[in-house]
Each structure stands twice: as C-alpha cells, then as structure tokens.
Amino acid sequence: MASSKEYLDYILEQLSELHGITCRSMMGEYIIYYGGKVVGGIYDDRFLVKPTRSAAALMPGACRELPYEGAKEMLLVDNVEDKAFLHKLIEAMYDELPAPKKKK
C-alpha cells in the first residue's frame, strides 16, 4: 500500500519549522531528509525513523517496524502530533546519521 500525499503533507507541516527538511518520492513512499541526511520516511502512512541511539533514547517504547519487505527495522514515531517533540527528535538524530553518499 502506498502512502497518501495527505499524510506526507501533514508530517511535513509538523516538521516545517526545521530548516533543511526535504522529501523525495520513491516507489509510492517518501524518504525524509534533514540537512541532506536521511532521517527516515513515510511508509504505508507511518512515520518511521532510523534507529539511532538518540531516537531510541527519546522513544524508549517505540515499536521497531519494517518499512517494506527486506528492509532494515526502523522506529515508529507515534507522537506525530507534538511538533516540539518531532523537532527535538530530528535534531538529536542528526549527528548520528551518516553523511550523504557522494554522487559520481
């Protein structure tokens, strides 16, 4: 099942005060970037983030879910209504995320 544009728009609105948030459509789902680094994505109308130490610490009871068959587990963000929490989460994760790969 592909994610809805409405859910993507909602998440982007929740993250709108963070400068450097972008997204990219990929096979009916959406990859979310912050400062050029992949932080997570929208998969089947779920906001999932990479399982960094800071994300796990901020969401100790978060469910680990697969974004799609064959992928690595990610953390489900179930508190998407709280803009302040989302900003804190994304900013806390940033330094732990790998740098973007250089294009050839």
C-alpha atoms as a PDB file:
ATOM      1  CA  MET A   1       0.000   0.000   0.000  1.00  0.00           C
ATOM      2  CA  ALA A   2       1.431   3.391  -0.967  1.00  0.00           C
ATOM      3  CA  SER A   3       1.400   6.313   1.430  1.00  0.00           C
ATOM      4  CA  SER A   4      -1.038   9.154   0.897  1.00  0.00           C
ATOM      5  CA  LYS A   5       0.065  12.620  -0.145  1.00  0.00           C
ATOM      6  CA  GLU A   6      -2.149  13.955   2.660  1.00  0.00           C
ATOM      7  CA  TYR A   7      -0.172  12.102   5.339  1.00  0.00           C
ATOM      8  CA  LEU A   8       3.105  13.284   3.827  1.00  0.00           C
ATOM      9  CA  ASP A   9       1.815  16.878   3.816  1.00  0.00           C
ATOM     10  CA  TYR A  10       0.783  16.516   7.471  1.00  0.00           C
ATOM     11  CA  ILE A  11       4.224  15.268   8.539  1.00  0.00           C
ATOM     12  CA  LEU A  12       5.970  17.967   6.502  1.00  0.00           C
ATOM     13  CA  GLU A  13       3.763  20.585   8.182  1.00  0.00           C
ATOM     14  CA  GLN A  14       4.707  19.172  11.593  1.00  0.00           C
ATOM     15  CA  LEU A  15       8.390  19.489  10.624  1.00  0.00           C
ATOM     16  CA  SER A  16       8.016  22.842   8.848  1.00  0.00           C
ATOM     17  CA  GLU A  17       9.883  24.892  11.444  1.00  0.00           C
ATOM     18  CA  LEU A  18      13.039  22.804  10.948  1.00  0.00           C
ATOM     19  CA  HIS A  19      15.130  24.360   8.195  1.00  0.00           C
ATOM     20  CA  GLY A  20      16.550  21.818   5.790  1.00  0.00           C
ATOM     21  CA  ILE A  21      13.688  19.281   5.725  1.00  0.00           C
ATOM     22  CA  THR A  22      13.129  17.847   2.253  1.00  0.00           C
ATOM     23  CA  CYS A  23      11.499  14.737   0.873  1.00  0.00           C
ATOM     24  CA  ARG A  24      11.728  12.537  -2.168  1.00  0.00           C
ATOM     25  CA  SER A  25       9.140  10.199  -3.597  1.00  0.00           C
ATOM     26  CA  MET A  26      10.304   6.635  -4.060  1.00  0.00           C
ATOM     27  CA  MET A  27       8.049   3.812  -5.273  1.00  0.00           C
ATOM     28  CA  GLY A  28       4.894   5.222  -3.679  1.00  0.00           C
ATOM     29  CA  GLU A  29       6.597   6.073  -0.403  1.00  0.00           C
ATOM     30  CA  TYR A  30       8.575   9.123   0.746  1.00  0.00           C
ATOM     31  CA  ILE A  31      12.119   9.497   2.074  1.00  0.00           C
ATOM     32  CA  ILE A  32      12.576  12.352   4.579  1.00  0.00           C
ATOM     33  CA  TYR A  33      15.888  14.245   4.699  1.00  0.00           C
ATOM     34  CA  TYR A  34      17.220  16.761   7.206  1.00  0.00           C
ATOM     35  CA  GLY A  35      20.293  18.732   6.209  1.00  0.00           C
ATOM     36  CA  GLY A  36      20.839  16.329   3.325  1.00  0.00           C
ATOM     37  CA  LYS A  37      20.874  13.244   5.573  1.00  0.00           C
ATOM     38  CA  VAL A  38      18.178  10.548   5.507  1.00  0.00           C
ATOM     39  CA  VAL A  39      16.316  10.586   8.837  1.00  0.00           C
ATOM     40  CA  GLY A  40      13.507   8.235   7.871  1.00  0.00           C
ATOM     41  CA  GLY A  41      10.440   8.167   5.740  1.00  0.00           C
ATOM     42  CA  ILE A  42       6.741   7.737   5.270  1.00  0.00           C
ATOM     43  CA  TYR A  43       5.835   4.098   4.649  1.00  0.00           C
ATOM     44  CA  ASP A  44       2.221   2.912   4.486  1.00  0.00           C
ATOM     45  CA  ASP A  45       1.168   6.162   6.197  1.00  0.00           C
ATOM     46  CA  ARG A  46       3.594   5.586   9.089  1.00  0.00           C
ATOM     47  CA  PHE A  47       6.433   7.929  10.009  1.00  0.00           C
ATOM     48  CA  LEU A  48       9.491   5.746  10.608  1.00  0.00           C
ATOM     49  CA  VAL A  49      12.957   6.976  11.573  1.00  0.00           C
ATOM     50  CA  LYS A  50      16.369   5.374  11.616  1.00  0.00           C
ATOM     51  CA  PRO A  51      17.098   3.593  14.911  1.00  0.00           C
ATOM     52  CA  THR A  52      19.852   5.885  16.184  1.00  0.00           C
ATOM     53  CA  ARG A  53      20.837   5.889  19.854  1.00  0.00           C
ATOM     54  CA  SER A  54      19.267   9.304  20.398  1.00  0.00           C
ATOM     55  CA  ALA A  55      15.998   8.284  18.724  1.00  0.00           C
ATOM     56  CA  ALA A  56      15.810   5.141  20.869  1.00  0.00           C
ATOM     57  CA  ALA A  57      16.530   7.200  23.990  1.00  0.00           C
ATOM     58  CA  LEU A  58      13.789   9.722  23.163  1.00  0.00           C
ATOM     59  CA  MET A  59      11.302   6.955  22.291  1.00  0.00           C
ATOM     60  CA  PRO A  60      12.196   4.073  24.647  1.00  0.00           C
ATOM     61  CA  GLY A  61       8.973   2.174  23.986  1.00  0.00           C
ATOM     62  CA  ALA A  62       8.920   2.703  20.218  1.00  0.00           C
ATOM     63  CA  CYS A  63       7.949  -0.239  18.050  1.00  0.00           C
ATOM     64  CA  ARG A  64      10.515  -1.476  15.559  1.00  0.00           C
ATOM     65  CA  GLU A  65       8.876  -1.966  12.187  1.00  0.00           C
ATOM     66  CA  LEU A  66       9.915  -2.838   8.673  1.00  0.00           C
ATOM     67  CA  PRO A  67       9.262  -0.064   6.175  1.00  0.00           C
ATOM     68  CA  TYR A  68       8.973  -2.700   3.421  1.00  0.00           C
ATOM     69  CA  GLU A  69       9.870  -6.341   2.832  1.00  0.00           C
ATOM     70  CA  GLY A  70      13.612  -6.934   3.055  1.00  0.00           C
ATOM     71  CA  ALA A  71      14.457  -3.580   4.673  1.00  0.00           C
ATOM     72  CA  LYS A  72      16.156  -2.915   7.998  1.00  0.00           C
ATOM     73  CA  GLU A  73      13.957  -2.197  11.015  1.00  0.00           C
ATOM     74  CA  MET A  74      13.127   1.402  11.809  1.00  0.00           C
ATOM     75  CA  LEU A  75      11.452   3.095  14.777  1.00  0.00           C
ATOM     76  CA  LEU A  76       7.775   4.026  14.544  1.00  0.00           C
ATOM     77  CA  VAL A  77       7.111   7.616  15.597  1.00  0.00           C
ATOM     78  CA  ASP A  78       3.676   7.522  17.196  1.00  0.00           C
ATOM     79  CA  ASN A  79       3.800  11.040  18.688  1.00  0.00           C
ATOM     80  CA  VAL A  80       3.489  12.905  15.372  1.00  0.00           C
ATOM     81  CA  GLU A  81       1.044  15.447  16.831  1.00  0.00           C
ATOM     82  CA  ASP A  82       3.745  17.039  19.025  1.00  0.00           C
ATOM     83  CA  LYS A  83       5.792  19.438  16.845  1.00  0.00           C
ATOM     84  CA  ALA A  84       8.257  20.266  19.627  1.00  0.00           C
ATOM     85  CA  PHE A  85       8.972  16.570  20.198  1.00  0.00           C
ATOM     86  CA  LEU A  86       9.481  15.945  16.466  1.00  0.00           C
ATOM     87  CA  HIS A  87      11.923  18.846  16.213  1.00  0.00           C
ATOM     88  CA  LYS A  88      13.875  17.598  19.233  1.00  0.00           C
ATOM     89  CA  LEU A  89      13.924  14.058  17.796  1.00  0.00           C
ATOM     90  CA  ILE A  90      15.167  15.038  14.338  1.00  0.00           C
ATOM     91  CA  GLU A  91      17.787  17.447  15.672  1.00  0.00           C
ATOM     92  CA  ALA A  92      19.041  14.875  18.197  1.00  0.00           C
ATOM     93  CA  MET A  93      19.437  12.255  15.454  1.00  0.00           C
ATOM     94  CA  TYR A  94      21.333  14.468  13.019  1.00  0.00           C
ATOM     95  CA  ASP A  95      24.913  13.961  14.265  1.00  0.00           C
ATOM     96  CA  GLU A  96      24.466  10.180  14.388  1.00  0.00           C
ATOM     97  CA  LEU A  97      23.272   9.889  10.795  1.00  0.00           C
ATOM     98  CA  PRO A  98      25.742   9.010   8.054  1.00  0.00           C
ATOM     99  CA  ALA A  99      26.767  11.753   5.632  1.00  0.00           C
ATOM    100  CA  PRO A 100      25.123  11.584   2.223  1.00  0.00           C
ATOM    101  CA  LYS A 101      26.966   9.466  -0.326  1.00  0.00           C
ATOM    102  CA  LYS A 102      28.827  11.449  -2.940  1.00  0.00           C
ATOM    103  CA  LYS A 103      27.412  11.223  -6.445  1.00  0.00           C
ATOM    104  CA  LYS A 104      29.771  10.007  -9.136  1.00  0.00           C
END
